[in-house]
PDB file of N, CA and C in Angstrom:
ATOM      1  N   MET A   1       0.814  -1.195   0.000  1.00  0.00           N
ATOM      2  CA  MET A   1       0.000   0.000   0.000  1.00  0.00           C
ATOM      3  C   MET A   1       0.858   1.258   0.000  1.00  0.00           C
ATOM      4  N   SER A   2       1.899   1.294   0.838  1.00  0.00           N
ATOM      5  CA  SER A   2       2.717   2.503   0.909  1.00  0.00           C
ATOM      6  C   SER A   2       3.555   2.700  -0.355  1.00  0.00           C
ATOM      7  N   SER A   3       3.932   1.608  -1.037  1.00  0.00           N
ATOM      8  CA  SER A   3       4.682   1.761  -2.281  1.00  0.00           C
ATOM      9  C   SER A   3       3.796   2.340  -3.386  1.00  0.00           C
ATOM     10  N   ILE A   4       2.520   2.019  -3.355  1.00  0.00           N
ATOM     11  CA  ILE A   4       1.586   2.586  -4.330  1.00  0.00           C
ATOM     12  C   ILE A   4       1.420   4.086  -4.084  1.00  0.00           C
ATOM     13  N   ILE A   5       1.296   4.466  -2.829  1.00  0.00           N
ATOM     14  CA  ILE A   5       1.166   5.884  -2.487  1.00  0.00           C
ATOM     15  C   ILE A   5       2.433   6.638  -2.868  1.00  0.00           C
ATOM     16  N   LEU A   6       3.599   6.045  -2.617  1.00  0.00           N
ATOM     17  CA  LEU A   6       4.858   6.684  -2.972  1.00  0.00           C
ATOM     18  C   LEU A   6       4.993   6.855  -4.476  1.00  0.00           C
ATOM     19  N   SER A   7       4.646   5.833  -5.243  1.00  0.00           N
ATOM     20  CA  SER A   7       4.778   5.938  -6.700  1.00  0.00           C
ATOM     21  C   SER A   7       3.822   6.983  -7.268  1.00  0.00           C
ATOM     22  N   TRP A   8       2.595   7.040  -6.757  1.00  0.00           N
ATOM     23  CA  TRP A   8       1.654   8.046  -7.233  1.00  0.00           C
ATOM     24  C   TRP A   8       2.080   9.455  -6.823  1.00  0.00           C
ATOM     25  N   SER A   9       2.571   9.604  -5.617  1.00  0.00           N
ATOM     26  CA  SER A   9       2.991  10.940  -5.182  1.00  0.00           C
ATOM     27  C   SER A   9       4.216  11.412  -5.954  1.00  0.00           C
ATOM     28  N   LEU A  10       5.121  10.496  -6.296  1.00  0.00           N
ATOM     29  CA  LEU A  10       6.277  10.882  -7.106  1.00  0.00           C
ATOM     30  C   LEU A  10       5.854  11.274  -8.518  1.00  0.00           C
ATOM     31  N   LEU A  11       4.884  10.569  -9.067  1.00  0.00           N
ATOM     32  CA  LEU A  11       4.375  10.912 -10.390  1.00  0.00           C
ATOM     33  C   LEU A  11       3.704  12.281 -10.384  1.00  0.00           C
ATOM     34  N   ILE A  12       2.899  12.538  -9.379  1.00  0.00           N
ATOM     35  CA  ILE A  12       2.234  13.839  -9.266  1.00  0.00           C
ATOM     36  C   ILE A  12       3.264  14.952  -9.072  1.00  0.00           C
ATOM     37  N   ALA A  13       4.290  14.691  -8.269  1.00  0.00           N
ATOM     38  CA  ALA A  13       5.341  15.688  -8.055  1.00  0.00           C
ATOM     39  C   ALA A  13       6.093  15.979  -9.345  1.00  0.00           C
ATOM     40  N   GLN A  14       6.365  14.947 -10.138  1.00  0.00           N
ATOM     41  CA  GLN A  14       7.053  15.163 -11.417  1.00  0.00           C
ATOM     42  C   GLN A  14       6.203  16.001 -12.373  1.00  0.00           C
ATOM     43  N   ILE A  15       4.926  15.726 -12.411  1.00  0.00           N
ATOM     44  CA  ILE A  15       4.038  16.478 -13.300  1.00  0.00           C
ATOM     45  C   ILE A  15       3.947  17.938 -12.864  1.00  0.00           C
ATOM     46  N   LEU A  16       3.769  18.165 -11.568  1.00  0.00           N
ATOM     47  CA  LEU A  16       3.640  19.533 -11.074  1.00  0.00           C
ATOM     48  C   LEU A  16       4.942  20.316 -11.217  1.00  0.00           C
ATOM     49  N   LEU A  17       6.074  19.674 -10.973  1.00  0.00           N
ATOM     50  CA  LEU A  17       7.347  20.358 -11.154  1.00  0.00           C
ATOM     51  C   LEU A  17       7.618  20.654 -12.623  1.00  0.00           C
ATOM     52  N   GLY A  18       7.220  19.759 -13.507  1.00  0.00           N
ATOM     53  CA  GLY A  18       7.346  20.027 -14.938  1.00  0.00           C
ATOM     54  C   GLY A  18       6.496  21.213 -15.363  1.00  0.00           C
ATOM     55  N   MET A  19       5.282  21.299 -14.831  1.00  0.00           N
ATOM     56  CA  MET A  19       4.427  22.440 -15.139  1.00  0.00           C
ATOM     57  C   MET A  19       5.012  23.734 -14.590  1.00  0.00           C
ATOM     58  N   ALA A  20       5.590  23.676 -13.400  1.00  0.00           N
ATOM     59  CA  ALA A  20       6.222  24.866 -12.824  1.00  0.00           C
ATOM     60  C   ALA A  20       7.420  25.308 -13.649  1.00  0.00           C
ATOM     61  N   MET A  21       8.165  24.342 -14.203  1.00  0.00           N
ATOM     62  CA  MET A  21       9.297  24.694 -15.059  1.00  0.00           C
ATOM     63  C   MET A  21       8.818  25.341 -16.359  1.00  0.00           C
ATOM     64  N   ILE A  22       7.716  24.876 -16.904  1.00  0.00           N
ATOM     65  CA  ILE A  22       7.162  25.472 -18.123  1.00  0.00           C
ATOM     66  C   ILE A  22       6.709  26.907 -17.847  1.00  0.00           C
ATOM     67  N   ILE A  23       6.057  27.123 -16.722  1.00  0.00           N
ATOM     68  CA  ILE A  23       5.598  28.463 -16.370  1.00  0.00           C
ATOM     69  C   ILE A  23       6.783  29.391 -16.132  1.00  0.00           C
ATOM     70  N   ALA A  24       7.814  28.909 -15.444  1.00  0.00           N
ATOM     71  CA  ALA A  24       9.004  29.740 -15.209  1.00  0.00           C
ATOM     72  C   ALA A  24       9.735  30.044 -16.514  1.00  0.00           C
ATOM     73  N   SER A  25       9.775  29.084 -17.423  1.00  0.00           N
ATOM     74  CA  SER A  25      10.398  29.331 -18.731  1.00  0.00           C
ATOM     75  C   SER A  25       9.614  30.377 -19.515  1.00  0.00           C
ATOM     76  N   PHE A  26       8.305  30.291 -19.462  1.00  0.00           N
ATOM     77  CA  PHE A  26       7.469  31.283 -20.144  1.00  0.00           C
ATOM     78  C   PHE A  26       7.715  32.672 -19.573  1.00  0.00           C
ATOM     79  N   ARG A  27       7.826  32.752 -18.249  1.00  0.00           N
ATOM     80  CA  ARG A  27       8.071  34.055 -17.610  1.00  0.00           C
ATOM     81  C   ARG A  27       9.464  34.581 -17.933  1.00  0.00           C
ATOM     82  N   MET A  28      10.414  33.676 -18.083  1.00  0.00           N
ATOM     83  CA  MET A  28      11.766  34.098 -18.427  1.00  0.00           C
ATOM     84  C   MET A  28      11.812  34.653 -19.850  1.00  0.00           C
ATOM     85  N   ILE A  29      11.034  34.085 -20.746  1.00  0.00           N
ATOM     86  CA  ILE A  29      11.009  34.571 -22.125  1.00  0.00           C
ATOM     87  C   ILE A  29      10.204  35.866 -22.238  1.00  0.00           C
ATOM     88  N   ARG A  30       9.056  35.933 -21.577  1.00  0.00           N
ATOM     89  CA  ARG A  30       8.150  37.071 -21.731  1.00  0.00           C
ATOM     90  C   ARG A  30       8.260  38.112 -20.624  1.00  0.00           C
ATOM     91  N   GLY A  31       9.232  37.983 -19.734  1.00  0.00           N
ATOM     92  CA  GLY A  31       9.343  38.927 -18.628  1.00  0.00           C
ATOM     93  C   GLY A  31       9.517  40.353 -19.106  1.00  0.00           C
ATOM     94  N   PRO A  32       8.760  41.288 -18.551  1.00  0.00           N
ATOM     95  CA  PRO A  32       8.884  42.657 -19.041  1.00  0.00           C
ATOM     96  C   PRO A  32      10.191  43.340 -18.612  1.00  0.00           C
ATOM     97  N   ARG A  33      10.750  42.917 -17.486  1.00  0.00           N
ATOM     98  CA  ARG A  33      11.977  43.549 -17.003  1.00  0.00           C
ATOM     99  C   ARG A  33      13.037  42.487 -16.766  1.00  0.00           C
ATOM    100  N   ALA A  34      14.261  42.932 -16.617  1.00  0.00           N
ATOM    101  CA  ALA A  34      15.372  42.007 -16.374  1.00  0.00           C
ATOM    102  C   ALA A  34      15.250  41.360 -14.998  1.00  0.00           C
ATOM    103  N   GLN A  35      14.704  42.092 -14.034  1.00  0.00           N
ATOM    104  CA  GLN A  35      14.530  41.522 -12.697  1.00  0.00           C
ATOM    105  C   GLN A  35      13.559  40.350 -12.717  1.00  0.00           C
ATOM    106  N   ASP A  36      12.511  40.449 -13.515  1.00  0.00           N
ATOM    107  CA  ASP A  36      11.556  39.344 -13.650  1.00  0.00           C
ATOM    108  C   ASP A  36      12.220  38.121 -14.269  1.00  0.00           C
ATOM    109  N   ARG A  37      13.084  38.360 -15.226  1.00  0.00           N
ATOM    110  CA  ARG A  37      13.783  37.246 -15.864  1.00  0.00           C
ATOM    111  C   ARG A  37      14.737  36.560 -14.897  1.00  0.00           C
ATOM    112  N   ILE A  38      15.398  37.322 -14.040  1.00  0.00           N
ATOM    113  CA  ILE A  38      16.319  36.721 -13.069  1.00  0.00           C
ATOM    114  C   ILE A  38      15.552  35.908 -12.030  1.00  0.00           C
ATOM    115  N   VAL A  39      14.420  36.431 -11.571  1.00  0.00           N
ATOM    116  CA  VAL A  39      13.611  35.688 -10.603  1.00  0.00           C
ATOM    117  C   VAL A  39      13.072  34.404 -11.224  1.00  0.00           C
ATOM    118  N   SER A  40      12.660  34.470 -12.477  1.00  0.00           N
ATOM    119  CA  SER A  40      12.157  33.256 -13.129  1.00  0.00           C
ATOM    120  C   SER A  40      13.290  32.261 -13.385  1.00  0.00           C
ATOM    121  N   LEU A  41      14.495  32.752 -13.673  1.00  0.00           N
ATOM    122  CA  LEU A  41      15.639  31.850 -13.808  1.00  0.00           C
ATOM    123  C   LEU A  41      15.942  31.169 -12.483  1.00  0.00           C
ATOM    124  N   ASP A  42      15.809  31.924 -11.395  1.00  0.00           N
ATOM    125  CA  ASP A  42      16.000  31.359 -10.063  1.00  0.00           C
ATOM    126  C   ASP A  42      14.953  30.274  -9.786  1.00  0.00           C
ATOM    127  N   ALA A  43      13.709  30.549 -10.120  1.00  0.00           N
ATOM    128  CA  ALA A  43      12.642  29.549  -9.931  1.00  0.00           C
ATOM    129  C   ALA A  43      12.868  28.340 -10.822  1.00  0.00           C
ATOM    130  N   LEU A  44      13.395  28.567 -12.019  1.00  0.00           N
ATOM    131  CA  LEU A  44      13.631  27.466 -12.953  1.00  0.00           C
ATOM    132  C   LEU A  44      14.706  26.522 -12.429  1.00  0.00           C
ATOM    133  N   TYR A  45      15.797  27.053 -11.904  1.00  0.00           N
ATOM    134  CA  TYR A  45      16.831  26.145 -11.407  1.00  0.00           C
ATOM    135  C   TYR A  45      16.412  25.457 -10.114  1.00  0.00           C
ATOM    136  N   VAL A  46      15.606  26.110  -9.302  1.00  0.00           N
ATOM    137  CA  VAL A  46      15.112  25.443  -8.089  1.00  0.00           C
ATOM    138  C   VAL A  46      14.174  24.299  -8.470  1.00  0.00           C
ATOM    139  N   ASN A  47      13.311  24.515  -9.448  1.00  0.00           N
ATOM    140  CA  ASN A  47      12.412  23.452  -9.897  1.00  0.00           C
ATOM    141  C   ASN A  47      13.178  22.308 -10.549  1.00  0.00           C
ATOM    142  N   ALA A  48      14.229  22.626 -11.303  1.00  0.00           N
ATOM    143  CA  ALA A  48      15.046  21.571 -11.908  1.00  0.00           C
ATOM    144  C   ALA A  48      15.758  20.755 -10.841  1.00  0.00           C
ATOM    145  N   MET A  49      16.237  21.437  -9.813  1.00  0.00           N
ATOM    146  CA  MET A  49      16.897  20.739  -8.720  1.00  0.00           C
ATOM    147  C   MET A  49      15.911  19.813  -8.001  1.00  0.00           C
ATOM    148  N   LEU A  50      14.707  20.304  -7.744  1.00  0.00           N
ATOM    149  CA  LEU A  50      13.705  19.480  -7.075  1.00  0.00           C
ATOM    150  C   LEU A  50      13.265  18.303  -7.935  1.00  0.00           C
ATOM    151  N   LEU A  51      13.192  18.515  -9.241  1.00  0.00           N
ATOM    152  CA  LEU A  51      12.841  17.414 -10.138  1.00  0.00           C
ATOM    153  C   LEU A  51      13.920  16.338 -10.124  1.00  0.00           C
ATOM    154  N   LEU A  52      15.171  16.742 -10.074  1.00  0.00           N
ATOM    155  CA  LEU A  52      16.248  15.759  -9.961  1.00  0.00           C
ATOM    156  C   LEU A  52      16.181  15.006  -8.635  1.00  0.00           C
ATOM    157  N   LEU A  53      15.803  15.698  -7.572  1.00  0.00           N
ATOM    158  CA  LEU A  53      15.659  15.015  -6.282  1.00  0.00           C
ATOM    159  C   LEU A  53      14.522  14.001  -6.321  1.00  0.00           C
ATOM    160  N   VAL A  54      13.438  14.340  -6.996  1.00  0.00           N
ATOM    161  CA  VAL A  54      12.322  13.387  -7.136  1.00  0.00           C
ATOM    162  C   VAL A  54      12.760  12.175  -7.949  1.00  0.00           C
ATOM    163  N   PHE A  55      13.527  12.412  -9.034  1.00  0.00           N
ATOM    164  CA  PHE A  55      14.057  11.290  -9.810  1.00  0.00           C
ATOM    165  C   PHE A  55      14.979  10.430  -8.959  1.00  0.00           C
ATOM    166  N   GLY A  56      15.772  11.066  -8.097  1.00  0.00           N
ATOM    167  CA  GLY A  56      16.667  10.316  -7.216  1.00  0.00           C
ATOM    168  C   GLY A  56      15.916   9.467  -6.207  1.00  0.00           C
ATOM    169  N   ILE A  57      14.822  10.000  -5.682  1.00  0.00           N
ATOM    170  CA  ILE A  57      14.006   9.221  -4.748  1.00  0.00           C
ATOM    171  C   ILE A  57      13.376   8.043  -5.469  1.00  0.00           C
ATOM    172  N   GLU A  58      12.934   8.286  -6.703  1.00  0.00           N
ATOM    173  CA  GLU A  58      12.269   7.230  -7.461  1.00  0.00           C
ATOM    174  C   GLU A  58      13.232   6.103  -7.837  1.00  0.00           C
ATOM    175  N   SER A  59      14.432   6.469  -8.270  1.00  0.00           N
ATOM    176  CA  SER A  59      15.376   5.446  -8.735  1.00  0.00           C
ATOM    177  C   SER A  59      16.254   4.887  -7.617  1.00  0.00           C
ATOM    178  N   GLY A  60      16.458   5.649  -6.565  1.00  0.00           N
ATOM    179  CA  GLY A  60      17.313   5.198  -5.476  1.00  0.00           C
ATOM    180  C   GLY A  60      18.798   5.352  -5.771  1.00  0.00           C
ATOM    181  N   THR A  61      19.151   6.125  -6.795  1.00  0.00           N
ATOM    182  CA  THR A  61      20.538   6.348  -7.174  1.00  0.00           C
ATOM    183  C   THR A  61      21.017   7.676  -6.594  1.00  0.00           C
ATOM    184  N   THR A  62      22.236   7.690  -6.081  1.00  0.00           N
ATOM    185  CA  THR A  62      22.768   8.918  -5.488  1.00  0.00           C
ATOM    186  C   THR A  62      23.282   9.900  -6.536  1.00  0.00           C
ATOM    187  N   LEU A  63      23.376   9.479  -7.772  1.00  0.00           N
ATOM    188  CA  LEU A  63      23.866  10.357  -8.827  1.00  0.00           C
ATOM    189  C   LEU A  63      22.952  11.570  -9.006  1.00  0.00           C
ATOM    190  N   TYR A  64      21.662  11.384  -8.889  1.00  0.00           N
ATOM    191  CA  TYR A  64      20.719  12.489  -9.035  1.00  0.00           C
ATOM    192  C   TYR A  64      20.887  13.513  -7.913  1.00  0.00           C
ATOM    193  N   PHE A  65      21.186  13.049  -6.715  1.00  0.00           N
ATOM    194  CA  PHE A  65      21.376  13.958  -5.591  1.00  0.00           C
ATOM    195  C   PHE A  65      22.629  14.812  -5.780  1.00  0.00           C
ATOM    196  N   GLU A  66      23.678  14.213  -6.320  1.00  0.00           N
ATOM    197  CA  GLU A  66      24.901  14.972  -6.582  1.00  0.00           C
ATOM    198  C   GLU A  66      24.680  15.990  -7.696  1.00  0.00           C
ATOM    199  N   ALA A  67      23.941  15.618  -8.718  1.00  0.00           N
ATOM    200  CA  ALA A  67      23.633  16.556  -9.800  1.00  0.00           C
ATOM    201  C   ALA A  67      22.766  17.708  -9.288  1.00  0.00           C
ATOM    202  N   ALA A  68      21.839  17.415  -8.390  1.00  0.00           N
ATOM    203  CA  ALA A  68      20.996  18.460  -7.810  1.00  0.00           C
ATOM    204  C   ALA A  68      21.832  19.418  -6.971  1.00  0.00           C
ATOM    205  N   LEU A  69      22.817  18.906  -6.277  1.00  0.00           N
ATOM    206  CA  LEU A  69      23.698  19.759  -5.481  1.00  0.00           C
ATOM    207  C   LEU A  69      24.504  20.693  -6.379  1.00  0.00           C
ATOM    208  N   ILE A  70      25.013  20.173  -7.482  1.00  0.00           N
ATOM    209  CA  ILE A  70      25.786  20.992  -8.421  1.00  0.00           C
ATOM    210  C   ILE A  70      24.891  22.060  -9.049  1.00  0.00           C
ATOM    211  N   ILE A  71      23.676  21.700  -9.425  1.00  0.00           N
ATOM    212  CA  ILE A  71      22.753  22.673 -10.011  1.00  0.00           C
ATOM    213  C   ILE A  71      22.416  23.763  -9.006  1.00  0.00           C
ATOM    214  N   SER A  72      22.218  23.396  -7.753  1.00  0.00           N
ATOM    215  CA  SER A  72      21.878  24.407  -6.753  1.00  0.00           C
ATOM    216  C   SER A  72      23.039  25.368  -6.521  1.00  0.00           C
ATOM    217  N   LEU A  73      24.256  24.869  -6.485  1.00  0.00           N
ATOM    218  CA  LEU A  73      25.413  25.748  -6.283  1.00  0.00           C
ATOM    219  C   LEU A  73      25.618  26.676  -7.479  1.00  0.00           C
ATOM    220  N   LEU A  74      25.556  26.142  -8.682  1.00  0.00           N
ATOM    221  CA  LEU A  74      25.735  26.971  -9.869  1.00  0.00           C
ATOM    222  C   LEU A  74      24.595  27.967 -10.045  1.00  0.00           C
ATOM    223  N   GLY A  75      23.394  27.562  -9.715  1.00  0.00           N
ATOM    224  CA  GLY A  75      22.256  28.471  -9.814  1.00  0.00           C
ATOM    225  C   GLY A  75      22.345  29.616  -8.836  1.00  0.00           C
ATOM    226  N   PHE A  76      22.799  29.333  -7.623  1.00  0.00           N
ATOM    227  CA  PHE A  76      22.960  30.396  -6.635  1.00  0.00           C
ATOM    228  C   PHE A  76      24.029  31.385  -7.077  1.00  0.00           C
ATOM    229  N   ILE A  77      25.147  30.881  -7.579  1.00  0.00           N
ATOM    230  CA  ILE A  77      26.228  31.757  -8.038  1.00  0.00           C
ATOM    231  C   ILE A  77      25.760  32.598  -9.219  1.00  0.00           C
ATOM    232  N   ALA A  78      25.017  32.007 -10.137  1.00  0.00           N
ATOM    233  CA  ALA A  78      24.507  32.749 -11.289  1.00  0.00           C
ATOM    234  C   ALA A  78      23.523  33.831 -10.865  1.00  0.00           C
ATOM    235  N   THR A  79      22.673  33.536  -9.902  1.00  0.00           N
ATOM    236  CA  THR A  79      21.712  34.525  -9.428  1.00  0.00           C
ATOM    237  C   THR A  79      22.420  35.697  -8.764  1.00  0.00           C
ATOM    238  N   VAL A  80      23.407  35.417  -7.946  1.00  0.00           N
ATOM    239  CA  VAL A  80      24.158  36.484  -7.286  1.00  0.00           C
ATOM    240  C   VAL A  80      24.914  37.323  -8.311  1.00  0.00           C
ATOM    241  N   ALA A  81      25.518  36.675  -9.295  1.00  0.00           N
ATOM    242  CA  ALA A  81      26.272  37.412 -10.315  1.00  0.00           C
ATOM    243  C   ALA A  81      25.351  38.289 -11.155  1.00  0.00           C
ATOM    244  N   LEU A  82      24.191  37.775 -11.534  1.00  0.00           N
ATOM    245  CA  LEU A  82      23.259  38.582 -12.333  1.00  0.00           C
ATOM    246  C   LEU A  82      22.673  39.732 -11.525  1.00  0.00           C
ATOM    247  N   ALA A  83      22.400  39.498 -10.257  1.00  0.00           N
ATOM    248  CA  ALA A  83      21.890  40.581  -9.414  1.00  0.00           C
ATOM    249  C   ALA A  83      22.948  41.669  -9.228  1.00  0.00           C
ATOM    250  N   LYS A  84      24.188  41.272  -9.045  1.00  0.00           N
ATOM    251  CA  LYS A  84      25.269  42.247  -8.907  1.00  0.00           C
ATOM    252  C   LYS A  84      25.467  43.013 -10.208  1.00  0.00           C
ATOM    253  N   PHE A  85      25.328  42.330 -11.330  1.00  0.00           N
ATOM    254  CA  PHE A  85      25.456  43.001 -12.624  1.00  0.00           C
ATOM    255  C   PHE A  85      24.343  44.031 -12.819  1.00  0.00           C
ATOM    256  N   LEU A  86      23.126  43.715 -12.406  1.00  0.00           N
ATOM    257  CA  LEU A  86      22.037  44.663 -12.549  1.00  0.00           C
ATOM    258  C   LEU A  86      22.187  45.850 -11.613  1.00  0.00           C
ATOM    259  N   MET A  87      22.747  45.616 -10.439  1.00  0.00           N
ATOM    260  CA  MET A  87      22.897  46.710  -9.478  1.00  0.00           C
ATOM    261  C   MET A  87      24.027  47.659  -9.861  1.00  0.00           C
ATOM    262  N   ARG A  88      25.177  47.118 -10.266  1.00  0.00           N
ATOM    263  CA  ARG A  88      26.365  47.946 -10.474  1.00  0.00           C
ATOM    264  C   ARG A  88      26.810  48.058 -11.921  1.00  0.00           C
ATOM    265  N   GLY A  89      26.385  47.164 -12.773  1.00  0.00           N
ATOM    266  CA  GLY A  89      26.802  47.212 -14.163  1.00  0.00           C
ATOM    267  C   GLY A  89      28.063  46.421 -14.468  1.00  0.00           C
ATOM    268  N   GLU A  90      28.674  45.854 -13.436  1.00  0.00           N
ATOM    269  CA  GLU A  90      29.857  45.020 -13.615  1.00  0.00           C
ATOM    270  C   GLU A  90      29.857  43.935 -12.542  1.00  0.00           C
ATOM    271  N   ILE A  91      30.484  42.828 -12.861  1.00  0.00           N
ATOM    272  CA  ILE A  91      30.499  41.719 -11.916  1.00  0.00           C
ATOM    273  C   ILE A  91      31.771  41.719 -11.091  1.00  0.00           C
ATOM    274  N   ILE A  92      32.909  41.875 -11.751  1.00  0.00           N
ATOM    275  CA  ILE A  92      34.197  41.881 -11.070  1.00  0.00           C
ATOM    276  C   ILE A  92      34.666  43.313 -10.937  1.00  0.00           C
ATOM    277  N   GLU A  93      34.987  43.691  -9.702  1.00  0.00           N
ATOM    278  CA  GLU A  93      35.417  45.074  -9.463  1.00  0.00           C
ATOM    279  C   GLU A  93      36.903  45.227  -9.590  1.00  0.00           C
TER     280      GLU A  93
END
């Protein structure tokens, strides 16, 4: 019984995270300002990281967890760099 609930909840999570990624991609393309695009890029990498974690739970492989960690670190660095670029106009001082 619990394996059935787990498989259905993982399927629902994959579908909802995929929809969230589509919405964030749409906002990144159609964002009226650069700040909106950066926030949607941030949401996109968080959703991708969570989708990889769901795949890792489903398969039981640690490779997905390591990939999610790398995506989260690179996404955070990219968000900070883009925010600094928008504030000051340059990344490296």
